[in-house]
PDB file of N, CA and C in Angstrom:
ATOM      1  N   MET A   1     111.726  96.810 126.533  1.00  0.00           N
ATOM      2  CA  MET A   1     110.604  96.827 127.861  1.00  0.00           C
ATOM      3  C   MET A   1     109.404  96.247 127.379  1.00  0.00           C
ATOM      4  N   ASP A   2     109.041  95.231 128.127  1.00  0.00           N
ATOM      5  CA  ASP A   2     107.470  94.782 128.110  1.00  0.00           C
ATOM      6  C   ASP A   2     106.511  95.885 128.857  1.00  0.00           C
ATOM      7  N   ASP A   3     105.520  96.169 128.985  1.00  0.00           N
ATOM      8  CA  ASP A   3     104.414  96.667 128.972  1.00  0.00           C
ATOM      9  C   ASP A   3     104.333  97.228 130.506  1.00  0.00           C
ATOM     10  N   ILE A   4     104.573  96.097 131.159  1.00  0.00           N
ATOM     11  CA  ILE A   4     104.485  96.634 132.337  1.00  0.00           C
ATOM     12  C   ILE A   4     106.166  96.592 133.253  1.00  0.00           C
ATOM     13  N   ALA A   5     107.128  96.294 132.260  1.00  0.00           N
ATOM     14  CA  ALA A   5     108.482  96.898 132.667  1.00  0.00           C
ATOM     15  C   ALA A   5     108.062  98.269 132.647  1.00  0.00           C
ATOM     16  N   GLU A   6     107.520  99.002 131.306  1.00  0.00           N
ATOM     17  CA  GLU A   6     107.785 100.473 131.417  1.00  0.00           C
ATOM     18  C   GLU A   6     107.071 101.385 132.287  1.00  0.00           C
ATOM     19  N   VAL A   7     105.656 100.586 132.856  1.00  0.00           N
ATOM     20  CA  VAL A   7     104.794 101.193 133.681  1.00  0.00           C
ATOM     21  C   VAL A   7     105.436 101.846 134.810  1.00  0.00           C
ATOM     22  N   LYS A   8     106.183 100.033 135.186  1.00  0.00           N
ATOM     23  CA  LYS A   8     107.164 100.039 136.224  1.00  0.00           C
ATOM     24  C   LYS A   8     108.096 100.956 136.650  1.00  0.00           C
ATOM     25  N   TYR A   9     108.399 101.109 135.436  1.00  0.00           N
ATOM     26  CA  TYR A   9     110.039 102.297 135.041  1.00  0.00           C
ATOM     27  C   TYR A   9     109.158 103.735 135.092  1.00  0.00           C
ATOM     28  N   CYS A  10     108.501 104.512 134.830  1.00  0.00           N
ATOM     29  CA  CYS A  10     107.413 105.460 135.489  1.00  0.00           C
ATOM     30  C   CYS A  10     107.497 105.833 136.279  1.00  0.00           C
ATOM     31  N   GLU A  11     106.745 104.368 137.240  1.00  0.00           N
ATOM     32  CA  GLU A  11     106.743 104.689 138.824  1.00  0.00           C
ATOM     33  C   GLU A  11     107.922 105.263 139.491  1.00  0.00           C
ATOM     34  N   GLN A  12     109.075 104.660 138.932  1.00  0.00           N
ATOM     35  CA  GLN A  12     110.334 105.418 139.382  1.00  0.00           C
ATOM     36  C   GLN A  12     111.099 106.391 139.014  1.00  0.00           C
ATOM     37  N   GLN A  13     110.179 106.543 137.864  1.00  0.00           N
ATOM     38  CA  GLN A  13     110.925 108.030 137.780  1.00  0.00           C
ATOM     39  C   GLN A  13     109.832 108.963 138.768  1.00  0.00           C
ATOM     40  N   LEU A  14     108.393 108.544 138.513  1.00  0.00           N
ATOM     41  CA  LEU A  14     107.491 109.952 139.818  1.00  0.00           C
ATOM     42  C   LEU A  14     108.505 109.310 140.902  1.00  0.00           C
ATOM     43  N   ARG A  15     108.555 108.032 141.495  1.00  0.00           N
ATOM     44  CA  ARG A  15     108.943 108.546 142.591  1.00  0.00           C
ATOM     45  C   ARG A  15     110.097 109.537 143.400  1.00  0.00           C
ATOM     46  N   GLU A  16     111.390 109.376 142.045  1.00  0.00           N
ATOM     47  CA  GLU A  16     112.478 110.454 141.922  1.00  0.00           C
ATOM     48  C   GLU A  16     112.032 111.698 141.702  1.00  0.00           C
ATOM     49  N   ALA A  17     110.873 112.178 141.174  1.00  0.00           N
ATOM     50  CA  ALA A  17     110.641 113.450 140.829  1.00  0.00           C
ATOM     51  C   ALA A  17     110.026 113.858 142.405  1.00  0.00           C
ATOM     52  N   ILE A  18     109.308 113.027 142.983  1.00  0.00           N
ATOM     53  CA  ILE A  18     108.994 113.230 144.318  1.00  0.00           C
ATOM     54  C   ILE A  18     109.675 113.518 145.130  1.00  0.00           C
ATOM     55  N   LEU A  19     110.317 112.820 145.254  1.00  0.00           N
ATOM     56  CA  LEU A  19     112.073 112.906 146.071  1.00  0.00           C
ATOM     57  C   LEU A  19     112.950 114.098 146.361  1.00  0.00           C
ATOM     58  N   HIS A  20     112.860 114.826 144.902  1.00  0.00           N
ATOM     59  CA  HIS A  20     113.927 116.014 144.584  1.00  0.00           C
ATOM     60  C   HIS A  20     113.096 116.557 144.362  1.00  0.00           C
ATOM     61  N   SER A  21     111.628 117.096 143.975  1.00  0.00           N
ATOM     62  CA  SER A  21     110.505 118.351 143.852  1.00  0.00           C
ATOM     63  C   SER A  21     111.202 118.563 142.471  1.00  0.00           C
ATOM     64  N   ASP A  22     111.745 117.632 141.541  1.00  0.00           N
ATOM     65  CA  ASP A  22     112.142 117.470 140.358  1.00  0.00           C
ATOM     66  C   ASP A  22     110.418 118.559 139.400  1.00  0.00           C
ATOM     67  N   VAL A  23     110.320 119.801 139.054  1.00  0.00           N
ATOM     68  CA  VAL A  23     109.255 119.951 138.573  1.00  0.00           C
ATOM     69  C   VAL A  23     108.918 119.823 137.493  1.00  0.00           C
ATOM     70  N   THR A  24     110.482 119.547 136.016  1.00  0.00           N
ATOM     71  CA  THR A  24     110.590 119.829 135.415  1.00  0.00           C
ATOM     72  C   THR A  24     110.057 117.983 134.853  1.00  0.00           C
ATOM     73  N   GLN A  25     110.282 117.164 135.566  1.00  0.00           N
ATOM     74  CA  GLN A  25     110.072 115.302 135.532  1.00  0.00           C
ATOM     75  C   GLN A  25     108.671 115.096 135.625  1.00  0.00           C
ATOM     76  N   LEU A  26     107.964 116.248 137.180  1.00  0.00           N
ATOM     77  CA  LEU A  26     106.879 115.812 137.542  1.00  0.00           C
ATOM     78  C   LEU A  26     105.404 116.931 135.873  1.00  0.00           C
ATOM     79  N   ASP A  27     106.045 117.420 135.596  1.00  0.00           N
ATOM     80  CA  ASP A  27     105.363 118.035 134.550  1.00  0.00           C
ATOM     81  C   ASP A  27     105.311 117.514 133.395  1.00  0.00           C
ATOM     82  N   ARG A  28     106.289 116.190 132.822  1.00  0.00           N
ATOM     83  CA  ARG A  28     106.403 115.561 132.122  1.00  0.00           C
ATOM     84  C   ARG A  28     105.245 113.743 132.467  1.00  0.00           C
ATOM     85  N   LEU A  29     105.610 113.740 133.479  1.00  0.00           N
ATOM     86  CA  LEU A  29     104.997 112.857 134.076  1.00  0.00           C
ATOM     87  C   LEU A  29     103.531 112.934 134.264  1.00  0.00           C
ATOM     88  N   LEU A  30     103.170 114.211 134.409  1.00  0.00           N
ATOM     89  CA  LEU A  30     101.592 113.714 134.852  1.00  0.00           C
ATOM     90  C   LEU A  30     101.281 114.860 133.976  1.00  0.00           C
ATOM     91  N   SER A  31      99.638 113.921 133.875  1.00  0.00           N
ATOM     92  CA  SER A  31      98.956 114.652 132.987  1.00  0.00           C
ATOM     93  C   SER A  31      98.483 116.339 133.535  1.00  0.00           C
ATOM     94  N   ASP A  32      97.830 117.206 132.116  1.00  0.00           N
ATOM     95  CA  ASP A  32      97.447 117.837 132.155  1.00  0.00           C
ATOM     96  C   ASP A  32      96.575 118.005 132.905  1.00  0.00           C
ATOM     97  N   GLY A  33      95.614 117.073 132.786  1.00  0.00           N
ATOM     98  CA  GLY A  33      93.787 117.201 133.486  1.00  0.00           C
ATOM     99  C   GLY A  33      94.496 116.450 134.894  1.00  0.00           C
ATOM    100  N   LEU A  34      95.561 116.113 135.022  1.00  0.00           N
ATOM    101  CA  LEU A  34      95.365 115.442 136.414  1.00  0.00           C
ATOM    102  C   LEU A  34      94.397 115.735 137.671  1.00  0.00           C
ATOM    103  N   ILE A  35      93.934 114.271 138.273  1.00  0.00           N
ATOM    104  CA  ILE A  35      93.222 114.470 139.546  1.00  0.00           C
ATOM    105  C   ILE A  35      93.630 114.005 139.931  1.00  0.00           C
ATOM    106  N   PHE A  36      94.274 114.240 141.458  1.00  0.00           N
ATOM    107  CA  PHE A  36      94.762 113.662 142.781  1.00  0.00           C
ATOM    108  C   PHE A  36      94.127 113.722 143.760  1.00  0.00           C
ATOM    109  N   ILE A  37      93.401 112.382 144.297  1.00  0.00           N
ATOM    110  CA  ILE A  37      92.790 112.935 145.967  1.00  0.00           C
ATOM    111  C   ILE A  37      93.308 112.795 146.711  1.00  0.00           C
ATOM    112  N   ASN A  38      93.836 113.506 147.728  1.00  0.00           N
ATOM    113  CA  ASN A  38      94.795 113.297 148.764  1.00  0.00           C
ATOM    114  C   ASN A  38      94.161 112.445 149.919  1.00  0.00           C
ATOM    115  N   GLN A  39      94.873 112.076 150.727  1.00  0.00           N
ATOM    116  CA  GLN A  39      94.423 111.458 152.209  1.00  0.00           C
ATOM    117  C   GLN A  39      93.233 112.220 152.781  1.00  0.00           C
ATOM    118  N   ASP A  40      92.952 113.729 153.067  1.00  0.00           N
ATOM    119  CA  ASP A  40      92.122 114.469 153.173  1.00  0.00           C
ATOM    120  C   ASP A  40      90.770 114.445 152.713  1.00  0.00           C
ATOM    121  N   GLY A  41      91.162 114.183 151.250  1.00  0.00           N
ATOM    122  CA  GLY A  41      89.973 113.654 150.013  1.00  0.00           C
ATOM    123  C   GLY A  41      89.859 114.978 149.668  1.00  0.00           C
ATOM    124  N   ALA A  42      90.887 116.191 149.512  1.00  0.00           N
ATOM    125  CA  ALA A  42      91.080 117.026 148.822  1.00  0.00           C
ATOM    126  C   ALA A  42      90.981 116.848 147.353  1.00  0.00           C
ATOM    127  N   ARG A  43      90.481 117.003 146.206  1.00  0.00           N
ATOM    128  CA  ARG A  43      90.857 117.184 144.550  1.00  0.00           C
ATOM    129  C   ARG A  43      91.951 118.316 144.482  1.00  0.00           C
ATOM    130  N   LEU A  44      92.991 117.583 144.141  1.00  0.00           N
ATOM    131  CA  LEU A  44      94.013 118.871 143.530  1.00  0.00           C
ATOM    132  C   LEU A  44      94.467 118.322 142.180  1.00  0.00           C
ATOM    133  N   SER A  45      95.093 119.408 141.536  1.00  0.00           N
ATOM    134  CA  SER A  45      95.285 119.810 139.875  1.00  0.00           C
ATOM    135  C   SER A  45      96.580 119.437 139.532  1.00  0.00           C
ATOM    136  N   LYS A  46      97.137 118.814 138.920  1.00  0.00           N
ATOM    137  CA  LYS A  46      98.564 119.054 138.736  1.00  0.00           C
ATOM    138  C   LYS A  46      99.078 120.675 138.395  1.00  0.00           C
ATOM    139  N   ALA A  47      98.525 121.805 138.524  1.00  0.00           N
ATOM    140  CA  ALA A  47      99.239 122.811 138.965  1.00  0.00           C
ATOM    141  C   ALA A  47      99.523 122.826 140.323  1.00  0.00           C
ATOM    142  N   ASP A  48      98.270 122.474 141.147  1.00  0.00           N
ATOM    143  CA  ASP A  48      98.819 122.159 142.362  1.00  0.00           C
ATOM    144  C   ASP A  48      99.846 121.596 142.974  1.00  0.00           C
ATOM    145  N   ASP A  49      99.995 120.365 142.328  1.00  0.00           N
ATOM    146  CA  ASP A  49     101.084 119.245 142.599  1.00  0.00           C
ATOM    147  C   ASP A  49     102.182 120.404 142.967  1.00  0.00           C
ATOM    148  N   ILE A  50     102.532 120.255 141.519  1.00  0.00           N
ATOM    149  CA  ILE A  50     103.601 121.459 141.206  1.00  0.00           C
ATOM    150  C   ILE A  50     104.145 122.037 141.945  1.00  0.00           C
ATOM    151  N   ALA A  51     103.026 122.795 141.901  1.00  0.00           N
ATOM    152  CA  ALA A  51     103.114 124.658 142.074  1.00  0.00           C
ATOM    153  C   ALA A  51     103.602 124.239 144.348  1.00  0.00           C
ATOM    154  N   ALA A  52     103.373 123.014 144.476  1.00  0.00           N
ATOM    155  CA  ALA A  52     103.503 123.048 146.102  1.00  0.00           C
ATOM    156  C   ALA A  52     105.085 122.594 146.195  1.00  0.00           C
ATOM    157  N   HIS A  53     105.203 121.614 145.059  1.00  0.00           N
ATOM    158  CA  HIS A  53     106.772 121.201 145.206  1.00  0.00           C
ATOM    159  C   HIS A  53     107.874 122.404 144.336  1.00  0.00           C
ATOM    160  N   ARG A  54     107.398 123.387 143.748  1.00  0.00           N
ATOM    161  CA  ARG A  54     107.971 124.398 143.300  1.00  0.00           C
ATOM    162  C   ARG A  54     108.184 125.606 144.600  1.00  0.00           C
ATOM    163  N   SER A  55     107.308 125.849 144.935  1.00  0.00           N
ATOM    164  CA  SER A  55     107.763 126.775 146.233  1.00  0.00           C
ATOM    165  C   SER A  55     108.364 125.980 147.573  1.00  0.00           C
ATOM    166  N   ASP A  56     108.811 125.063 147.731  1.00  0.00           N
ATOM    167  CA  ASP A  56     109.513 124.114 148.651  1.00  0.00           C
ATOM    168  C   ASP A  56     108.309 124.457 149.605  1.00  0.00           C
ATOM    169  N   LEU A  57     107.069 124.372 149.508  1.00  0.00           N
ATOM    170  CA  LEU A  57     106.100 123.933 150.570  1.00  0.00           C
ATOM    171  C   LEU A  57     106.044 122.595 151.035  1.00  0.00           C
ATOM    172  N   LEU A  58     105.995 121.534 150.008  1.00  0.00           N
ATOM    173  CA  LEU A  58     106.382 120.550 150.079  1.00  0.00           C
ATOM    174  C   LEU A  58     107.699 119.747 150.087  1.00  0.00           C
ATOM    175  N   ALA A  59     108.043 118.541 150.721  1.00  0.00           N
ATOM    176  CA  ALA A  59     109.212 118.679 150.851  1.00  0.00           C
ATOM    177  C   ALA A  59     108.804 117.082 151.270  1.00  0.00           C
ATOM    178  N   ILE A  60     109.431 116.017 150.459  1.00  0.00           N
ATOM    179  CA  ILE A  60     109.000 114.909 150.956  1.00  0.00           C
ATOM    180  C   ILE A  60     110.547 113.684 150.935  1.00  0.00           C
ATOM    181  N   LYS A  61     110.950 113.426 152.125  1.00  0.00           N
ATOM    182  CA  LYS A  61     112.670 113.236 152.452  1.00  0.00           C
ATOM    183  C   LYS A  61     112.261 111.368 152.420  1.00  0.00           C
ATOM    184  N   THR A  62     110.714 110.351 152.246  1.00  0.00           N
ATOM    185  CA  THR A  62     110.831 109.438 152.392  1.00  0.00           C
ATOM    186  C   THR A  62     110.085 108.858 151.740  1.00  0.00           C
ATOM    187  N   LEU A  63     110.079 108.100 150.956  1.00  0.00           N
ATOM    188  CA  LEU A  63     109.156 107.109 150.472  1.00  0.00           C
ATOM    189  C   LEU A  63     109.560 105.734 149.794  1.00  0.00           C
ATOM    190  N   SER A  64     109.249 105.019 150.726  1.00  0.00           N
ATOM    191  CA  SER A  64     109.520 103.381 150.835  1.00  0.00           C
ATOM    192  C   SER A  64     108.436 102.478 150.953  1.00  0.00           C
ATOM    193  N   GLU A  65     108.043 101.945 149.585  1.00  0.00           N
ATOM    194  CA  GLU A  65     107.157 100.641 149.059  1.00  0.00           C
ATOM    195  C   GLU A  65     107.441  99.562 150.409  1.00  0.00           C
ATOM    196  N   LYS A  66     105.930  99.108 150.763  1.00  0.00           N
ATOM    197  CA  LYS A  66     105.909  98.092 151.556  1.00  0.00           C
ATOM    198  C   LYS A  66     104.849  97.264 150.811  1.00  0.00           C
ATOM    199  N   GLY A  67     105.488  95.632 150.974  1.00  0.00           N
ATOM    200  CA  GLY A  67     104.751  94.471 149.966  1.00  0.00           C
ATOM    201  C   GLY A  67     104.974  94.807 148.847  1.00  0.00           C
ATOM    202  N   GLU A  68     103.896  94.335 148.037  1.00  0.00           N
ATOM    203  CA  GLU A  68     104.072  94.186 146.747  1.00  0.00           C
ATOM    204  C   GLU A  68     103.346  95.486 146.165  1.00  0.00           C
ATOM    205  N   CYS A  69     104.159  95.875 144.743  1.00  0.00           N
ATOM    206  CA  CYS A  69     103.410  96.707 143.635  1.00  0.00           C
ATOM    207  C   CYS A  69     102.404  96.369 142.856  1.00  0.00           C
ATOM    208  N   VAL A  70     101.048  96.672 142.759  1.00  0.00           N
ATOM    209  CA  VAL A  70     100.358  95.104 141.408  1.00  0.00           C
ATOM    210  C   VAL A  70     100.226  96.335 140.181  1.00  0.00           C
ATOM    211  N   ILE A  71     100.954  96.079 139.010  1.00  0.00           N
ATOM    212  CA  ILE A  71     100.528  96.769 138.154  1.00  0.00           C
ATOM    213  C   ILE A  71      99.915  95.929 137.038  1.00  0.00           C
ATOM    214  N   GLN A  72      98.511  96.474 136.383  1.00  0.00           N
ATOM    215  CA  GLN A  72      97.860  95.868 135.305  1.00  0.00           C
ATOM    216  C   GLN A  72      97.760  96.755 134.326  1.00  0.00           C
ATOM    217  N   ARG A  73      97.691  96.403 132.948  1.00  0.00           N
ATOM    218  CA  ARG A  73      97.960  97.012 131.444  1.00  0.00           C
ATOM    219  C   ARG A  73      96.567  96.550 131.111  1.00  0.00           C
ATOM    220  N   PHE A  74      95.602  97.823 130.579  1.00  0.00           N
ATOM    221  CA  PHE A  74      94.861  97.212 129.858  1.00  0.00           C
ATOM    222  C   PHE A  74      95.075  98.443 128.534  1.00  0.00           C
ATOM    223  N   GLY A  75      95.504  97.507 127.920  1.00  0.00           N
ATOM    224  CA  GLY A  75      95.424  98.421 126.386  1.00  0.00           C
ATOM    225  C   GLY A  75      96.832  99.799 126.529  1.00  0.00           C
ATOM    226  N   ASP A  76      96.037 101.375 126.759  1.00  0.00           N
ATOM    227  CA  ASP A  76      97.344 102.459 126.365  1.00  0.00           C
ATOM    228  C   ASP A  76      96.973 103.133 128.335  1.00  0.00           C
ATOM    229  N   THR A  77      96.097 102.369 128.806  1.00  0.00           N
ATOM    230  CA  THR A  77      95.971 102.232 130.093  1.00  0.00           C
ATOM    231  C   THR A  77      96.767 101.603 131.371  1.00  0.00           C
ATOM    232  N   ALA A  78      97.207 101.621 132.227  1.00  0.00           N
ATOM    233  CA  ALA A  78      97.395 100.970 133.662  1.00  0.00           C
ATOM    234  C   ALA A  78      97.084 101.272 134.576  1.00  0.00           C
ATOM    235  N   THR A  79      97.018 100.233 135.447  1.00  0.00           N
ATOM    236  CA  THR A  79      96.240 100.337 137.158  1.00  0.00           C
ATOM    237  C   THR A  79      97.530 100.148 138.057  1.00  0.00           C
ATOM    238  N   VAL A  80      98.147 101.126 138.923  1.00  0.00           N
ATOM    239  CA  VAL A  80      99.390 100.575 139.543  1.00  0.00           C
ATOM    240  C   VAL A  80      98.238 101.005 141.235  1.00  0.00           C
ATOM    241  N   CYS A  81      98.480 100.048 142.092  1.00  0.00           N
ATOM    242  CA  CYS A  81      98.568  99.758 143.288  1.00  0.00           C
ATOM    243  C   CYS A  81      99.667  99.478 144.249  1.00  0.00           C
ATOM    244  N   LEU A  82     100.083 100.515 144.942  1.00  0.00           N
ATOM    245  CA  LEU A  82     101.350 100.133 146.168  1.00  0.00           C
ATOM    246  C   LEU A  82     100.777 100.507 147.651  1.00  0.00           C
ATOM    247  N   THR A  83     101.938 100.704 148.852  1.00  0.00           N
ATOM    248  CA  THR A  83     101.527 100.381 149.708  1.00  0.00           C
ATOM    249  C   THR A  83     103.251 101.507 149.960  1.00  0.00           C
ATOM    250  N   THR A  84     103.011 102.910 150.938  1.00  0.00           N
ATOM    251  CA  THR A  84     104.213 103.496 150.749  1.00  0.00           C
ATOM    252  C   THR A  84     104.518 104.338 152.166  1.00  0.00           C
ATOM    253  N   GLU A  85     105.515 103.689 153.080  1.00  0.00           N
ATOM    254  CA  GLU A  85     106.089 104.628 153.963  1.00  0.00           C
ATOM    255  C   GLU A  85     106.358 105.893 153.462  1.00  0.00           C
ATOM    256  N   VAL A  86     105.548 107.182 154.273  1.00  0.00           N
ATOM    257  CA  VAL A  86     106.166 108.576 153.551  1.00  0.00           C
ATOM    258  C   VAL A  86     106.222 109.117 154.706  1.00  0.00           C
ATOM    259  N   ALA A  87     107.260 110.435 154.297  1.00  0.00           N
ATOM    260  CA  ALA A  87     107.781 110.779 155.847  1.00  0.00           C
ATOM    261  C   ALA A  87     108.473 112.637 155.040  1.00  0.00           C
ATOM    262  N   GLY A  88     107.706 113.453 155.542  1.00  0.00           N
ATOM    263  CA  GLY A  88     108.721 114.926 154.712  1.00  0.00           C
ATOM    264  C   GLY A  88     107.748 115.886 155.991  1.00  0.00           C
ATOM    265  N   GLU A  89     107.793 117.355 155.143  1.00  0.00           N
ATOM    266  CA  GLU A  89     107.480 118.556 155.375  1.00  0.00           C
ATOM    267  C   GLU A  89     106.358 118.850 154.845  1.00  0.00           C
ATOM    268  N   TYR A  90     105.379 119.668 155.099  1.00  0.00           N
ATOM    269  CA  TYR A  90     104.399 120.409 154.481  1.00  0.00           C
ATOM    270  C   TYR A  90     104.091 121.601 155.033  1.00  0.00           C
ATOM    271  N   ALA A  91     104.215 122.686 154.655  1.00  0.00           N
ATOM    272  CA  ALA A  91     104.588 124.433 155.452  1.00  0.00           C
ATOM    273  C   ALA A  91     104.606 124.066 156.650  1.00  0.00           C
ATOM    274  N   ASP A  92     106.480 123.627 157.068  1.00  0.00           N
ATOM    275  CA  ASP A  92     107.072 124.015 157.452  1.00  0.00           C
ATOM    276  C   ASP A  92     106.863 122.617 159.040  1.00  0.00           C
ATOM    277  N   GLN A  93     105.866 121.708 158.719  1.00  0.00           N
ATOM    278  CA  GLN A  93     105.209 120.870 159.742  1.00  0.00           C
ATOM    279  C   GLN A  93     105.392 119.571 159.510  1.00  0.00           C
ATOM    280  N   GLN A  94     106.195 118.997 160.029  1.00  0.00           N
ATOM    281  CA  GLN A  94     106.810 117.742 159.583  1.00  0.00           C
ATOM    282  C   GLN A  94     105.182 116.585 159.670  1.00  0.00           C
ATOM    283  N   PHE A  95     104.950 115.657 158.691  1.00  0.00           N
ATOM    284  CA  PHE A  95     104.536 114.502 158.613  1.00  0.00           C
ATOM    285  C   PHE A  95     104.927 113.441 158.345  1.00  0.00           C
ATOM    286  N   GLY A  96     104.207 111.974 158.866  1.00  0.00           N
ATOM    287  CA  GLY A  96     104.405 110.581 158.161  1.00  0.00           C
ATOM    288  C   GLY A  96     103.288 109.575 158.185  1.00  0.00           C
ATOM    289  N   GLY A  97     102.983 108.351 157.844  1.00  0.00           N
ATOM    290  CA  GLY A  97     102.947 107.761 157.737  1.00  0.00           C
ATOM    291  C   GLY A  97     102.587 106.545 156.655  1.00  0.00           C
ATOM    292  N   THR A  98     101.871 106.137 156.421  1.00  0.00           N
ATOM    293  CA  THR A  98     101.768 104.538 155.647  1.00  0.00           C
ATOM    294  C   THR A  98     100.562 104.988 155.268  1.00  0.00           C
ATOM    295  N   PHE A  99     100.513 104.704 153.665  1.00  0.00           N
ATOM    296  CA  PHE A  99      99.085 105.096 152.786  1.00  0.00           C
ATOM    297  C   PHE A  99      99.243 104.086 151.395  1.00  0.00           C
ATOM    298  N   ALA A 100      98.109 103.676 151.146  1.00  0.00           N
ATOM    299  CA  ALA A 100      98.046 103.022 150.180  1.00  0.00           C
ATOM    300  C   ALA A 100      97.580 103.894 148.783  1.00  0.00           C
ATOM    301  N   TYR A 101      98.302 103.983 147.745  1.00  0.00           N
ATOM    302  CA  TYR A 101      98.434 104.948 146.499  1.00  0.00           C
ATOM    303  C   TYR A 101      98.046 103.787 145.560  1.00  0.00           C
ATOM    304  N   SER A 102      96.539 104.616 144.742  1.00  0.00           N
ATOM    305  CA  SER A 102      96.639 104.493 143.167  1.00  0.00           C
ATOM    306  C   SER A 102      96.310 104.833 141.976  1.00  0.00           C
ATOM    307  N   ARG A 103      96.613 104.638 140.989  1.00  0.00           N
ATOM    308  CA  ARG A 103      97.155 105.749 139.916  1.00  0.00           C
ATOM    309  C   ARG A 103      96.662 104.846 138.675  1.00  0.00           C
ATOM    310  N   ILE A 104      96.052 105.666 137.917  1.00  0.00           N
ATOM    311  CA  ILE A 104      95.742 105.329 136.564  1.00  0.00           C
ATOM    312  C   ILE A 104      96.995 105.872 135.508  1.00  0.00           C
ATOM    313  N   TRP A 105      97.506 105.529 135.002  1.00  0.00           N
ATOM    314  CA  TRP A 105      98.259 105.648 133.603  1.00  0.00           C
ATOM    315  C   TRP A 105      97.856 105.744 132.555  1.00  0.00           C
ATOM    316  N   HIS A 106      98.446 106.867 131.376  1.00  0.00           N
ATOM    317  CA  HIS A 106      97.554 106.753 130.294  1.00  0.00           C
ATOM    318  C   HIS A 106      98.903 106.693 128.823  1.00  0.00           C
ATOM    319  N   GLN A 107      98.969 105.905 128.291  1.00  0.00           N
ATOM    320  CA  GLN A 107      99.571 106.128 127.150  1.00  0.00           C
ATOM    321  C   GLN A 107      99.316 106.950 125.976  1.00  0.00           C
ATOM    322  N   LYS A 108      99.649 108.128 125.863  1.00  0.00           N
ATOM    323  CA  LYS A 108      99.158 108.734 124.420  1.00  0.00           C
ATOM    324  C   LYS A 108     100.874 109.304 124.059  1.00  0.00           C
ATOM    325  N   ASP A 109     101.334 108.994 122.056  1.00  0.00           N
ATOM    326  CA  ASP A 109     102.007 109.500 121.671  1.00  0.00           C
ATOM    327  C   ASP A 109     103.240 109.026 122.420  1.00  0.00           C
ATOM    328  N   GLY A 110     103.315 107.517 122.529  1.00  0.00           N
ATOM    329  CA  GLY A 110     104.195 107.058 123.575  1.00  0.00           C
ATOM    330  C   GLY A 110     104.947 107.538 124.451  1.00  0.00           C
ATOM    331  N   ARG A 111     103.787 108.316 124.892  1.00  0.00           N
ATOM    332  CA  ARG A 111     104.360 108.468 126.345  1.00  0.00           C
ATOM    333  C   ARG A 111     103.320 108.369 127.939  1.00  0.00           C
ATOM    334  N   TRP A 112     104.138 107.762 128.770  1.00  0.00           N
ATOM    335  CA  TRP A 112     102.956 107.363 129.751  1.00  0.00           C
ATOM    336  C   TRP A 112     102.423 108.448 130.738  1.00  0.00           C
ATOM    337  N   GLN A 113     101.876 108.902 131.562  1.00  0.00           N
ATOM    338  CA  GLN A 113     101.172 110.036 132.140  1.00  0.00           C
ATOM    339  C   GLN A 113     100.224 109.573 133.363  1.00  0.00           C
ATOM    340  N   VAL A 114     100.262 110.298 134.423  1.00  0.00           N
ATOM    341  CA  VAL A 114      99.020 109.759 135.519  1.00  0.00           C
ATOM    342  C   VAL A 114      97.990 110.364 135.076  1.00  0.00           C
ATOM    343  N   LEU A 115      96.658 110.070 134.993  1.00  0.00           N
ATOM    344  CA  LEU A 115      95.638 110.460 134.757  1.00  0.00           C
ATOM    345  C   LEU A 115      94.994 111.058 136.224  1.00  0.00           C
ATOM    346  N   LEU A 116      95.269 110.019 136.783  1.00  0.00           N
ATOM    347  CA  LEU A 116      94.387 109.844 138.301  1.00  0.00           C
ATOM    348  C   LEU A 116      95.387 109.147 139.342  1.00  0.00           C
ATOM    349  N   ALA A 117      95.236 109.533 140.786  1.00  0.00           N
ATOM    350  CA  ALA A 117      95.621 109.363 141.222  1.00  0.00           C
ATOM    351  C   ALA A 117      95.113 109.518 142.793  1.00  0.00           C
ATOM    352  N   HIS A 118      95.280 108.474 143.699  1.00  0.00           N
ATOM    353  CA  HIS A 118      94.364 108.311 145.308  1.00  0.00           C
ATOM    354  C   HIS A 118      95.010 108.014 146.348  1.00  0.00           C
ATOM    355  N   CYS A 119      95.074 108.699 147.436  1.00  0.00           N
ATOM    356  CA  CYS A 119      95.985 107.977 148.458  1.00  0.00           C
ATOM    357  C   CYS A 119      95.126 108.330 149.516  1.00  0.00           C
ATOM    358  N   SER A 120      95.547 107.364 150.048  1.00  0.00           N
ATOM    359  CA  SER A 120      94.370 106.631 151.455  1.00  0.00           C
ATOM    360  C   SER A 120      95.689 106.658 152.937  1.00  0.00           C
ATOM    361  N   ALA A 121      95.373 106.763 154.198  1.00  0.00           N
ATOM    362  CA  ALA A 121      95.823 106.721 155.162  1.00  0.00           C
ATOM    363  C   ALA A 121      95.807 105.188 155.345  1.00  0.00           C
ATOM    364  N   VAL A 122      96.914 104.136 155.729  1.00  0.00           N
ATOM    365  CA  VAL A 122      96.172 102.968 156.771  1.00  0.00           C
ATOM    366  C   VAL A 122      96.446 103.043 157.959  1.00  0.00           C
ATOM    367  N   ASN A 123      95.683 102.633 158.266  1.00  0.00           N
ATOM    368  CA  ASN A 123      95.763 102.287 159.491  1.00  0.00           C
ATOM    369  C   ASN A 123      96.284 100.577 159.804  1.00  0.00           C
ATOM    370  N   LEU A 124      97.551 100.566 160.595  1.00  0.00           N
ATOM    371  CA  LEU A 124      97.862  99.277 160.732  1.00  0.00           C
ATOM    372  C   LEU A 124      98.021  98.841 162.550  1.00  0.00           C
ATOM    373  N   THR A 125      97.171  99.227 162.733  1.00  0.00           N
ATOM    374  CA  THR A 125      96.627  99.270 164.272  1.00  0.00           C
ATOM    375  C   THR A 125      95.667  98.280 164.227  1.00  0.00           C
ATOM    376  N   GLY A 126      94.069  98.671 163.459  1.00  0.00           N
ATOM    377  CA  GLY A 126      93.766  97.491 163.585  1.00  0.00           C
ATOM    378  C   GLY A 126      93.104  97.477 162.530  1.00  0.00           C
TER     379      GLY A 126
END
């Protein structure tokens, strides 16, 4: 598997883990030092992210990529930029929308993990 294909495969594993709230897989794919900046600008840790899935507070029902996923590799680091339709529930409140995601993956000891992730709402009307 080439470098870009490896990262793309990890992205697919992450997508499946999010959709199924697979906390074991999320623990493997997310760095202990993860910082996730959500669409509201809040900084979340790996523990925060996993806790939301473990407690069933967060349930993602739909993750559909829109357009091209751009992956670039820089040695043991890779960047990923994609736009995704997301729908689900958070604290029993339904939500949905189109979001732009960027992630920085780092390869250490032969394993890729997300170090930094950012999410922004995409305004499709203008």
